[in-house]
Amino acid sequence: MRSGSRIAQKWFKKFNEGHTDFRDEPCSGHLITINIEAIRDAIKANSSTSTRRLSAEVNILQTSVIQHLNTIGKVNRRCRDVPHDLTENQTQNHVETC
């Protein structure tokens, strides 16, 4: 069964039980606070760091790091990692490609 159908069944059951208030109910989970300044500081220290490393540094999910980077106007500009020791042929190919 699709999730949309399950949600509809859940609401139908609630409605039949007399719940007619459609406002969000308080969640049982805890509110996650994210220190955006910690993310900004980590980026200032090393602007080429990966989102995986950032998430480990600030101890939040990688998807949350990506969302907050987009919020502050940071976008991914790297298409791939480039090894430090390239042959002359690889260097020329890299220059022509990028």
PDB file of N, CA and C in Angstrom:
ATOM      1  N   MET A   1       0.839  -1.171   0.000  1.00  0.00           N
ATOM      2  CA  MET A   1       0.000   0.000   0.000  1.00  0.00           C
ATOM      3  C   MET A   1       0.890   1.241   0.000  1.00  0.00           C
ATOM      4  N   ARG A   2       0.502   2.246  -0.742  1.00  0.00           N
ATOM      5  CA  ARG A   2       1.289   3.463  -0.842  1.00  0.00           C
ATOM      6  C   ARG A   2       1.142   4.296   0.419  1.00  0.00           C
ATOM      7  N   SER A   3       2.162   5.127   0.704  1.00  0.00           N
ATOM      8  CA  SER A   3       2.145   5.917   1.927  1.00  0.00           C
ATOM      9  C   SER A   3       1.006   6.923   1.935  1.00  0.00           C
ATOM     10  N   GLY A   4       0.629   7.461   0.778  1.00  0.00           N
ATOM     11  CA  GLY A   4      -0.484   8.392   0.719  1.00  0.00           C
ATOM     12  C   GLY A   4      -1.786   7.757   1.181  1.00  0.00           C
ATOM     13  N   SER A   5      -1.968   6.513   0.821  1.00  0.00           N
ATOM     14  CA  SER A   5      -3.167   5.786   1.237  1.00  0.00           C
ATOM     15  C   SER A   5      -3.172   5.566   2.739  1.00  0.00           C
ATOM     16  N   ARG A   6      -2.004   5.274   3.282  1.00  0.00           N
ATOM     17  CA  ARG A   6      -1.888   5.048   4.729  1.00  0.00           C
ATOM     18  C   ARG A   6      -2.189   6.332   5.499  1.00  0.00           C
ATOM     19  N   ILE A   7      -1.705   7.445   4.985  1.00  0.00           N
ATOM     20  CA  ILE A   7      -1.956   8.728   5.640  1.00  0.00           C
ATOM     21  C   ILE A   7      -3.441   9.042   5.607  1.00  0.00           C
ATOM     22  N   ALA A   8      -4.081   8.802   4.454  1.00  0.00           N
ATOM     23  CA  ALA A   8      -5.515   9.040   4.336  1.00  0.00           C
ATOM     24  C   ALA A   8      -6.296   8.158   5.318  1.00  0.00           C
ATOM     25  N   GLN A   9      -5.874   6.911   5.461  1.00  0.00           N
ATOM     26  CA  GLN A   9      -6.532   6.012   6.401  1.00  0.00           C
ATOM     27  C   GLN A   9      -6.376   6.509   7.831  1.00  0.00           C
ATOM     28  N   LYS A  10      -5.197   7.014   8.134  1.00  0.00           N
ATOM     29  CA  LYS A  10      -4.930   7.533   9.480  1.00  0.00           C
ATOM     30  C   LYS A  10      -5.849   8.721   9.782  1.00  0.00           C
ATOM     31  N   TRP A  11      -5.972   9.663   8.828  1.00  0.00           N
ATOM     32  CA  TRP A  11      -6.826  10.829   9.029  1.00  0.00           C
ATOM     33  C   TRP A  11      -8.300  10.421   9.092  1.00  0.00           C
ATOM     34  N   PHE A  12      -8.706   9.479   8.278  1.00  0.00           N
ATOM     35  CA  PHE A  12     -10.089   9.004   8.299  1.00  0.00           C
ATOM     36  C   PHE A  12     -10.435   8.409   9.660  1.00  0.00           C
ATOM     37  N   LYS A  13      -9.523   7.619  10.197  1.00  0.00           N
ATOM     38  CA  LYS A  13      -9.728   7.013  11.514  1.00  0.00           C
ATOM     39  C   LYS A  13      -9.835   8.089  12.583  1.00  0.00           C
ATOM     40  N   LYS A  14      -8.942   9.095  12.539  1.00  0.00           N
ATOM     41  CA  LYS A  14      -8.986  10.170  13.522  1.00  0.00           C
ATOM     42  C   LYS A  14     -10.300  10.943  13.433  1.00  0.00           C
ATOM     43  N   PHE A  15     -10.744  11.214  12.204  1.00  0.00           N
ATOM     44  CA  PHE A  15     -11.984  11.948  12.004  1.00  0.00           C
ATOM     45  C   PHE A  15     -13.170  11.165  12.573  1.00  0.00           C
ATOM     46  N   ASN A  16     -13.207   9.855  12.317  1.00  0.00           N
ATOM     47  CA  ASN A  16     -14.287   9.016  12.841  1.00  0.00           C
ATOM     48  C   ASN A  16     -14.268   8.931  14.357  1.00  0.00           C
ATOM     49  N   GLU A  17     -13.086   9.108  14.961  1.00  0.00           N
ATOM     50  CA  GLU A  17     -12.981   9.077  16.426  1.00  0.00           C
ATOM     51  C   GLU A  17     -13.314  10.428  17.044  1.00  0.00           C
ATOM     52  N   GLY A  18     -13.629  11.429  16.208  1.00  0.00           N
ATOM     53  CA  GLY A  18     -14.045  12.721  16.735  1.00  0.00           C
ATOM     54  C   GLY A  18     -12.970  13.792  16.716  1.00  0.00           C
ATOM     55  N   HIS A  19     -11.808  13.492  16.205  1.00  0.00           N
ATOM     56  CA  HIS A  19     -10.747  14.496  16.100  1.00  0.00           C
ATOM     57  C   HIS A  19     -11.010  15.360  14.872  1.00  0.00           C
ATOM     58  N   THR A  20     -11.461  16.589  15.099  1.00  0.00           N
ATOM     59  CA  THR A  20     -11.744  17.480  13.977  1.00  0.00           C
ATOM     60  C   THR A  20     -10.786  18.661  13.924  1.00  0.00           C
ATOM     61  N   ASP A  21      -9.837  18.704  14.834  1.00  0.00           N
ATOM     62  CA  ASP A  21      -8.845  19.781  14.843  1.00  0.00           C
ATOM     63  C   ASP A  21      -7.695  19.358  13.936  1.00  0.00           C
ATOM     64  N   PHE A  22      -7.500  20.069  12.856  1.00  0.00           N
ATOM     65  CA  PHE A  22      -6.499  19.672  11.873  1.00  0.00           C
ATOM     66  C   PHE A  22      -5.162  20.382  12.043  1.00  0.00           C
ATOM     67  N   ARG A  23      -4.997  21.109  13.145  1.00  0.00           N
ATOM     68  CA  ARG A  23      -3.710  21.746  13.409  1.00  0.00           C
ATOM     69  C   ARG A  23      -2.691  20.687  13.833  1.00  0.00           C
ATOM     70  N   ASP A  24      -1.417  21.002  13.629  1.00  0.00           N
ATOM     71  CA  ASP A  24      -0.360  20.070  14.013  1.00  0.00           C
ATOM     72  C   ASP A  24      -0.353  19.866  15.517  1.00  0.00           C
ATOM     73  N   GLU A  25      -0.170  18.629  15.902  1.00  0.00           N
ATOM     74  CA  GLU A  25      -0.054  18.303  17.318  1.00  0.00           C
ATOM     75  C   GLU A  25       1.419  18.397  17.709  1.00  0.00           C
ATOM     76  N   PRO A  26       1.690  18.645  18.987  1.00  0.00           N
ATOM     77  CA  PRO A  26       3.090  18.699  19.411  1.00  0.00           C
ATOM     78  C   PRO A  26       3.784  17.359  19.171  1.00  0.00           C
ATOM     79  N   CYS A  27       5.007  17.416  18.739  1.00  0.00           N
ATOM     80  CA  CYS A  27       5.790  16.204  18.483  1.00  0.00           C
ATOM     81  C   CYS A  27       6.414  15.701  19.773  1.00  0.00           C
ATOM     82  N   SER A  28       6.628  14.408  19.842  1.00  0.00           N
ATOM     83  CA  SER A  28       7.236  13.829  21.030  1.00  0.00           C
ATOM     84  C   SER A  28       8.756  13.926  21.004  1.00  0.00           C
ATOM     85  N   GLY A  29       9.331  14.147  19.825  1.00  0.00           N
ATOM     86  CA  GLY A  29      10.785  14.226  19.709  1.00  0.00           C
ATOM     87  C   GLY A  29      11.324  15.546  20.213  1.00  0.00           C
ATOM     88  N   HIS A  30      12.632  15.616  20.332  1.00  0.00           N
ATOM     89  CA  HIS A  30      13.250  16.852  20.798  1.00  0.00           C
ATOM     90  C   HIS A  30      13.614  17.739  19.609  1.00  0.00           C
ATOM     91  N   LEU A  31      13.624  19.026  19.850  1.00  0.00           N
ATOM     92  CA  LEU A  31      13.958  19.984  18.818  1.00  0.00           C
ATOM     93  C   LEU A  31      15.464  19.976  18.588  1.00  0.00           C
ATOM     94  N   ILE A  32      15.871  19.857  17.355  1.00  0.00           N
ATOM     95  CA  ILE A  32      17.285  19.841  17.023  1.00  0.00           C
ATOM     96  C   ILE A  32      17.714  21.258  16.701  1.00  0.00           C
ATOM     97  N   THR A  33      18.705  21.721  17.430  1.00  0.00           N
ATOM     98  CA  THR A  33      19.236  23.048  17.156  1.00  0.00           C
ATOM     99  C   THR A  33      20.570  22.898  16.447  1.00  0.00           C
ATOM    100  N   ILE A  34      20.754  23.700  15.443  1.00  0.00           N
ATOM    101  CA  ILE A  34      21.966  23.622  14.646  1.00  0.00           C
ATOM    102  C   ILE A  34      22.695  24.939  14.764  1.00  0.00           C
ATOM    103  N   ASN A  35      23.958  24.850  15.078  1.00  0.00           N
ATOM    104  CA  ASN A  35      24.771  26.040  15.220  1.00  0.00           C
ATOM    105  C   ASN A  35      25.308  26.429  13.845  1.00  0.00           C
ATOM    106  N   ILE A  36      24.631  27.369  13.197  1.00  0.00           N
ATOM    107  CA  ILE A  36      25.033  27.795  11.858  1.00  0.00           C
ATOM    108  C   ILE A  36      26.396  28.470  11.906  1.00  0.00           C
ATOM    109  N   GLU A  37      26.682  29.145  13.021  1.00  0.00           N
ATOM    110  CA  GLU A  37      27.989  29.805  13.163  1.00  0.00           C
ATOM    111  C   GLU A  37      29.121  28.776  13.156  1.00  0.00           C
ATOM    112  N   ALA A  38      28.880  27.591  13.729  1.00  0.00           N
ATOM    113  CA  ALA A  38      29.900  26.541  13.712  1.00  0.00           C
ATOM    114  C   ALA A  38      30.166  26.083  12.281  1.00  0.00           C
ATOM    115  N   ILE A  39      29.115  25.993  11.478  1.00  0.00           N
ATOM    116  CA  ILE A  39      29.273  25.612  10.074  1.00  0.00           C
ATOM    117  C   ILE A  39      30.041  26.695   9.330  1.00  0.00           C
ATOM    118  N   ARG A  40      29.672  27.961   9.558  1.00  0.00           N
ATOM    119  CA  ARG A  40      30.380  29.072   8.903  1.00  0.00           C
ATOM    120  C   ARG A  40      31.847  29.110   9.289  1.00  0.00           C
ATOM    121  N   ASP A  41      32.135  28.905  10.569  1.00  0.00           N
ATOM    122  CA  ASP A  41      33.527  28.919  11.033  1.00  0.00           C
ATOM    123  C   ASP A  41      34.332  27.785  10.404  1.00  0.00           C
ATOM    124  N   ALA A  42      33.705  26.608  10.297  1.00  0.00           N
ATOM    125  CA  ALA A  42      34.397  25.467   9.689  1.00  0.00           C
ATOM    126  C   ALA A  42      34.679  25.737   8.214  1.00  0.00           C
ATOM    127  N   ILE A  43      33.764  26.416   7.539  1.00  0.00           N
ATOM    128  CA  ILE A  43      33.969  26.739   6.113  1.00  0.00           C
ATOM    129  C   ILE A  43      35.070  27.784   5.966  1.00  0.00           C
ATOM    130  N   LYS A  44      35.094  28.771   6.877  1.00  0.00           N
ATOM    131  CA  LYS A  44      36.144  29.791   6.817  1.00  0.00           C
ATOM    132  C   LYS A  44      37.511  29.171   7.034  1.00  0.00           C
ATOM    133  N   ALA A  45      37.580  28.182   7.918  1.00  0.00           N
ATOM    134  CA  ALA A  45      38.848  27.513   8.192  1.00  0.00           C
ATOM    135  C   ALA A  45      39.320  26.700   6.997  1.00  0.00           C
ATOM    136  N   ASN A  46      38.389  26.043   6.300  1.00  0.00           N
ATOM    137  CA  ASN A  46      38.744  25.231   5.144  1.00  0.00           C
ATOM    138  C   ASN A  46      37.559  25.225   4.177  1.00  0.00           C
ATOM    139  N   SER A  47      37.613  26.113   3.193  1.00  0.00           N
ATOM    140  CA  SER A  47      36.475  26.270   2.282  1.00  0.00           C
ATOM    141  C   SER A  47      36.289  25.095   1.334  1.00  0.00           C
ATOM    142  N   SER A  48      37.280  24.239   1.207  1.00  0.00           N
ATOM    143  CA  SER A  48      37.150  23.109   0.284  1.00  0.00           C
ATOM    144  C   SER A  48      36.810  21.800   1.009  1.00  0.00           C
ATOM    145  N   THR A  49      36.394  21.888   2.249  1.00  0.00           N
ATOM    146  CA  THR A  49      36.054  20.685   2.997  1.00  0.00           C
ATOM    147  C   THR A  49      34.753  20.081   2.470  1.00  0.00           C
ATOM    148  N   SER A  50      34.598  18.803   2.658  1.00  0.00           N
ATOM    149  CA  SER A  50      33.402  18.113   2.167  1.00  0.00           C
ATOM    150  C   SER A  50      32.267  18.236   3.180  1.00  0.00           C
ATOM    151  N   THR A  51      31.062  18.024   2.695  1.00  0.00           N
ATOM    152  CA  THR A  51      29.914  18.070   3.599  1.00  0.00           C
ATOM    153  C   THR A  51      29.971  16.914   4.597  1.00  0.00           C
ATOM    154  N   ARG A  52      30.575  15.824   4.197  1.00  0.00           N
ATOM    155  CA  ARG A  52      30.732  14.690   5.120  1.00  0.00           C
ATOM    156  C   ARG A  52      31.629  15.074   6.291  1.00  0.00           C
ATOM    157  N   ARG A  53      32.734  15.765   6.002  1.00  0.00           N
ATOM    158  CA  ARG A  53      33.630  16.210   7.077  1.00  0.00           C
ATOM    159  C   ARG A  53      32.975  17.277   7.938  1.00  0.00           C
ATOM    160  N   LEU A  54      32.251  18.194   7.294  1.00  0.00           N
ATOM    161  CA  LEU A  54      31.545  19.222   8.058  1.00  0.00           C
ATOM    162  C   LEU A  54      30.535  18.602   9.015  1.00  0.00           C
ATOM    163  N   SER A  55      29.805  17.609   8.541  1.00  0.00           N
ATOM    164  CA  SER A  55      28.802  16.972   9.396  1.00  0.00           C
ATOM    165  C   SER A  55      29.464  16.283  10.594  1.00  0.00           C
ATOM    166  N   ALA A  56      30.636  15.728  10.379  1.00  0.00           N
ATOM    167  CA  ALA A  56      31.354  15.100  11.492  1.00  0.00           C
ATOM    168  C   ALA A  56      31.872  16.157  12.471  1.00  0.00           C
ATOM    169  N   GLU A  57      32.326  17.295  11.950  1.00  0.00           N
ATOM    170  CA  GLU A  57      32.861  18.353  12.812  1.00  0.00           C
ATOM    171  C   GLU A  57      31.788  18.967  13.695  1.00  0.00           C
ATOM    172  N   VAL A  58      30.637  19.254  13.125  1.00  0.00           N
ATOM    173  CA  VAL A  58      29.582  19.920  13.892  1.00  0.00           C
ATOM    174  C   VAL A  58      28.554  18.946  14.457  1.00  0.00           C
ATOM    175  N   ASN A  59      28.738  17.665  14.190  1.00  0.00           N
ATOM    176  CA  ASN A  59      27.929  16.586  14.756  1.00  0.00           C
ATOM    177  C   ASN A  59      26.444  16.695  14.390  1.00  0.00           C
ATOM    178  N   ILE A  60      26.171  16.882  13.093  1.00  0.00           N
ATOM    179  CA  ILE A  60      24.809  16.844  12.590  1.00  0.00           C
ATOM    180  C   ILE A  60      24.788  16.028  11.301  1.00  0.00           C
ATOM    181  N   LEU A  61      23.608  15.713  10.816  1.00  0.00           N
ATOM    182  CA  LEU A  61      23.490  14.915   9.601  1.00  0.00           C
ATOM    183  C   LEU A  61      24.035  15.666   8.394  1.00  0.00           C
ATOM    184  N   GLN A  62      24.568  14.919   7.451  1.00  0.00           N
ATOM    185  CA  GLN A  62      25.124  15.514   6.239  1.00  0.00           C
ATOM    186  C   GLN A  62      24.049  16.254   5.448  1.00  0.00           C
ATOM    187  N   THR A  63      22.850  15.714   5.391  1.00  0.00           N
ATOM    188  CA  THR A  63      21.770  16.391   4.667  1.00  0.00           C
ATOM    189  C   THR A  63      21.432  17.732   5.314  1.00  0.00           C
ATOM    190  N   SER A  64      21.534  17.815   6.634  1.00  0.00           N
ATOM    191  CA  SER A  64      21.293  19.078   7.332  1.00  0.00           C
ATOM    192  C   SER A  64      22.376  20.088   6.996  1.00  0.00           C
ATOM    193  N   VAL A  65      23.621  19.629   6.900  1.00  0.00           N
ATOM    194  CA  VAL A  65      24.723  20.513   6.520  1.00  0.00           C
ATOM    195  C   VAL A  65      24.467  21.076   5.128  1.00  0.00           C
ATOM    196  N   ILE A  66      24.073  20.222   4.207  1.00  0.00           N
ATOM    197  CA  ILE A  66      23.815  20.658   2.828  1.00  0.00           C
ATOM    198  C   ILE A  66      22.693  21.695   2.803  1.00  0.00           C
ATOM    199  N   GLN A  67      21.625  21.452   3.544  1.00  0.00           N
ATOM    200  CA  GLN A  67      20.509  22.399   3.590  1.00  0.00           C
ATOM    201  C   GLN A  67      20.959  23.749   4.130  1.00  0.00           C
ATOM    202  N   HIS A  68      21.765  23.744   5.189  1.00  0.00           N
ATOM    203  CA  HIS A  68      22.199  24.996   5.787  1.00  0.00           C
ATOM    204  C   HIS A  68      23.234  25.710   4.918  1.00  0.00           C
ATOM    205  N   LEU A  69      24.040  24.957   4.207  1.00  0.00           N
ATOM    206  CA  LEU A  69      24.965  25.590   3.269  1.00  0.00           C
ATOM    207  C   LEU A  69      24.190  26.286   2.156  1.00  0.00           C
ATOM    208  N   ASN A  70      23.140  25.657   1.675  1.00  0.00           N
ATOM    209  CA  ASN A  70      22.296  26.292   0.663  1.00  0.00           C
ATOM    210  C   ASN A  70      21.615  27.529   1.225  1.00  0.00           C
ATOM    211  N   THR A  71      21.206  27.479   2.492  1.00  0.00           N
ATOM    212  CA  THR A  71      20.555  28.612   3.140  1.00  0.00           C
ATOM    213  C   THR A  71      21.469  29.832   3.199  1.00  0.00           C
ATOM    214  N   ILE A  72      22.746  29.601   3.473  1.00  0.00           N
ATOM    215  CA  ILE A  72      23.669  30.737   3.583  1.00  0.00           C
ATOM    216  C   ILE A  72      24.326  31.068   2.250  1.00  0.00           C
ATOM    217  N   GLY A  73      23.856  30.436   1.184  1.00  0.00           N
ATOM    218  CA  GLY A  73      24.311  30.797  -0.150  1.00  0.00           C
ATOM    219  C   GLY A  73      25.533  30.059  -0.645  1.00  0.00           C
ATOM    220  N   LYS A  74      25.907  28.994   0.015  1.00  0.00           N
ATOM    221  CA  LYS A  74      27.049  28.193  -0.432  1.00  0.00           C
ATOM    222  C   LYS A  74      26.537  27.055  -1.302  1.00  0.00           C
ATOM    223  N   VAL A  75      27.187  26.863  -2.442  1.00  0.00           N
ATOM    224  CA  VAL A  75      26.802  25.781  -3.341  1.00  0.00           C
ATOM    225  C   VAL A  75      28.030  24.959  -3.699  1.00  0.00           C
ATOM    226  N   ASN A  76      27.794  23.742  -4.143  1.00  0.00           N
ATOM    227  CA  ASN A  76      28.878  22.845  -4.524  1.00  0.00           C
ATOM    228  C   ASN A  76      29.377  23.218  -5.913  1.00  0.00           C
ATOM    229  N   ARG A  77      30.634  23.594  -6.001  1.00  0.00           N
ATOM    230  CA  ARG A  77      31.217  23.967  -7.291  1.00  0.00           C
ATOM    231  C   ARG A  77      32.214  22.926  -7.799  1.00  0.00           C
ATOM    232  N   ARG A  78      32.521  21.953  -6.960  1.00  0.00           N
ATOM    233  CA  ARG A  78      33.508  20.948  -7.351  1.00  0.00           C
ATOM    234  C   ARG A  78      32.816  19.794  -8.057  1.00  0.00           C
ATOM    235  N   CYS A  79      33.311  19.459  -9.238  1.00  0.00           N
ATOM    236  CA  CYS A  79      32.705  18.336  -9.952  1.00  0.00           C
ATOM    237  C   CYS A  79      33.328  17.011  -9.517  1.00  0.00           C
ATOM    238  N   ARG A  80      34.580  17.067  -9.089  1.00  0.00           N
ATOM    239  CA  ARG A  80      35.241  15.841  -8.609  1.00  0.00           C
ATOM    240  C   ARG A  80      36.559  16.220  -7.974  1.00  0.00           C
ATOM    241  N   ASP A  81      37.136  15.285  -7.237  1.00  0.00           N
ATOM    242  CA  ASP A  81      38.451  15.511  -6.644  1.00  0.00           C
ATOM    243  C   ASP A  81      39.531  15.317  -7.698  1.00  0.00           C
ATOM    244  N   VAL A  82      40.542  16.145  -7.638  1.00  0.00           N
ATOM    245  CA  VAL A  82      41.651  16.058  -8.578  1.00  0.00           C
ATOM    246  C   VAL A  82      42.889  15.635  -7.785  1.00  0.00           C
ATOM    247  N   PRO A  83      43.565  14.571  -8.188  1.00  0.00           N
ATOM    248  CA  PRO A  83      44.764  14.154  -7.473  1.00  0.00           C
ATOM    249  C   PRO A  83      45.843  15.239  -7.548  1.00  0.00           C
ATOM    250  N   HIS A  84      46.676  15.304  -6.524  1.00  0.00           N
ATOM    251  CA  HIS A  84      47.706  16.329  -6.473  1.00  0.00           C
ATOM    252  C   HIS A  84      48.840  16.080  -7.457  1.00  0.00           C
ATOM    253  N   ASP A  85      49.185  14.847  -7.684  1.00  0.00           N
ATOM    254  CA  ASP A  85      50.300  14.513  -8.576  1.00  0.00           C
ATOM    255  C   ASP A  85      49.761  14.034  -9.923  1.00  0.00           C
ATOM    256  N   LEU A  86      49.666  14.962 -10.859  1.00  0.00           N
ATOM    257  CA  LEU A  86      49.201  14.615 -12.185  1.00  0.00           C
ATOM    258  C   LEU A  86      50.379  14.526 -13.146  1.00  0.00           C
ATOM    259  N   THR A  87      50.237  13.643 -14.113  1.00  0.00           N
ATOM    260  CA  THR A  87      51.242  13.613 -15.178  1.00  0.00           C
ATOM    261  C   THR A  87      50.995  14.821 -16.084  1.00  0.00           C
ATOM    262  N   GLU A  88      51.948  15.116 -16.954  1.00  0.00           N
ATOM    263  CA  GLU A  88      51.799  16.251 -17.869  1.00  0.00           C
ATOM    264  C   GLU A  88      50.558  16.085 -18.751  1.00  0.00           C
ATOM    265  N   ASN A  89      50.343  14.865 -19.226  1.00  0.00           N
ATOM    266  CA  ASN A  89      49.191  14.572 -20.065  1.00  0.00           C
ATOM    267  C   ASN A  89      47.880  14.777 -19.286  1.00  0.00           C
ATOM    268  N   GLN A  90      47.833  14.329 -18.028  1.00  0.00           N
ATOM    269  CA  GLN A  90      46.639  14.493 -17.193  1.00  0.00           C
ATOM    270  C   GLN A  90      46.373  15.970 -16.907  1.00  0.00           C
ATOM    271  N   THR A  91      47.452  16.730 -16.669  1.00  0.00           N
ATOM    272  CA  THR A  91      47.303  18.159 -16.407  1.00  0.00           C
ATOM    273  C   THR A  91      46.700  18.858 -17.617  1.00  0.00           C
ATOM    274  N   GLN A  92      47.209  18.549 -18.801  1.00  0.00           N
ATOM    275  CA  GLN A  92      46.691  19.170 -20.006  1.00  0.00           C
ATOM    276  C   GLN A  92      45.230  18.779 -20.242  1.00  0.00           C
ATOM    277  N   ASN A  93      44.916  17.519 -20.021  1.00  0.00           N
ATOM    278  CA  ASN A  93      43.550  17.036 -20.184  1.00  0.00           C
ATOM    279  C   ASN A  93      42.619  17.722 -19.197  1.00  0.00           C
ATOM    280  N   HIS A  94      43.084  17.922 -17.956  1.00  0.00           N
ATOM    281  CA  HIS A  94      42.288  18.593 -16.949  1.00  0.00           C
ATOM    282  C   HIS A  94      42.006  20.043 -17.334  1.00  0.00           C
ATOM    283  N   VAL A  95      43.012  20.724 -17.843  1.00  0.00           N
ATOM    284  CA  VAL A  95      42.839  22.116 -18.259  1.00  0.00           C
ATOM    285  C   VAL A  95      41.850  22.206 -19.411  1.00  0.00           C
ATOM    286  N   GLU A  96      41.924  21.287 -20.355  1.00  0.00           N
ATOM    287  CA  GLU A  96      41.007  21.307 -21.488  1.00  0.00           C
ATOM    288  C   GLU A  96      39.568  20.971 -21.072  1.00  0.00           C
ATOM    289  N   THR A  97      39.428  20.101 -20.091  1.00  0.00           N
ATOM    290  CA  THR A  97      38.106  19.662 -19.650  1.00  0.00           C
ATOM    291  C   THR A  97      37.408  20.744 -18.823  1.00  0.00           C
ATOM    292  N   CYS A  98      38.137  21.321 -17.900  1.00  0.00           N
ATOM    293  CA  CYS A  98      37.510  22.314 -16.992  1.00  0.00           C
ATOM    294  C   CYS A  98      37.606  23.672 -17.627  1.00  0.00           C
TER     295      CYS A  98
END
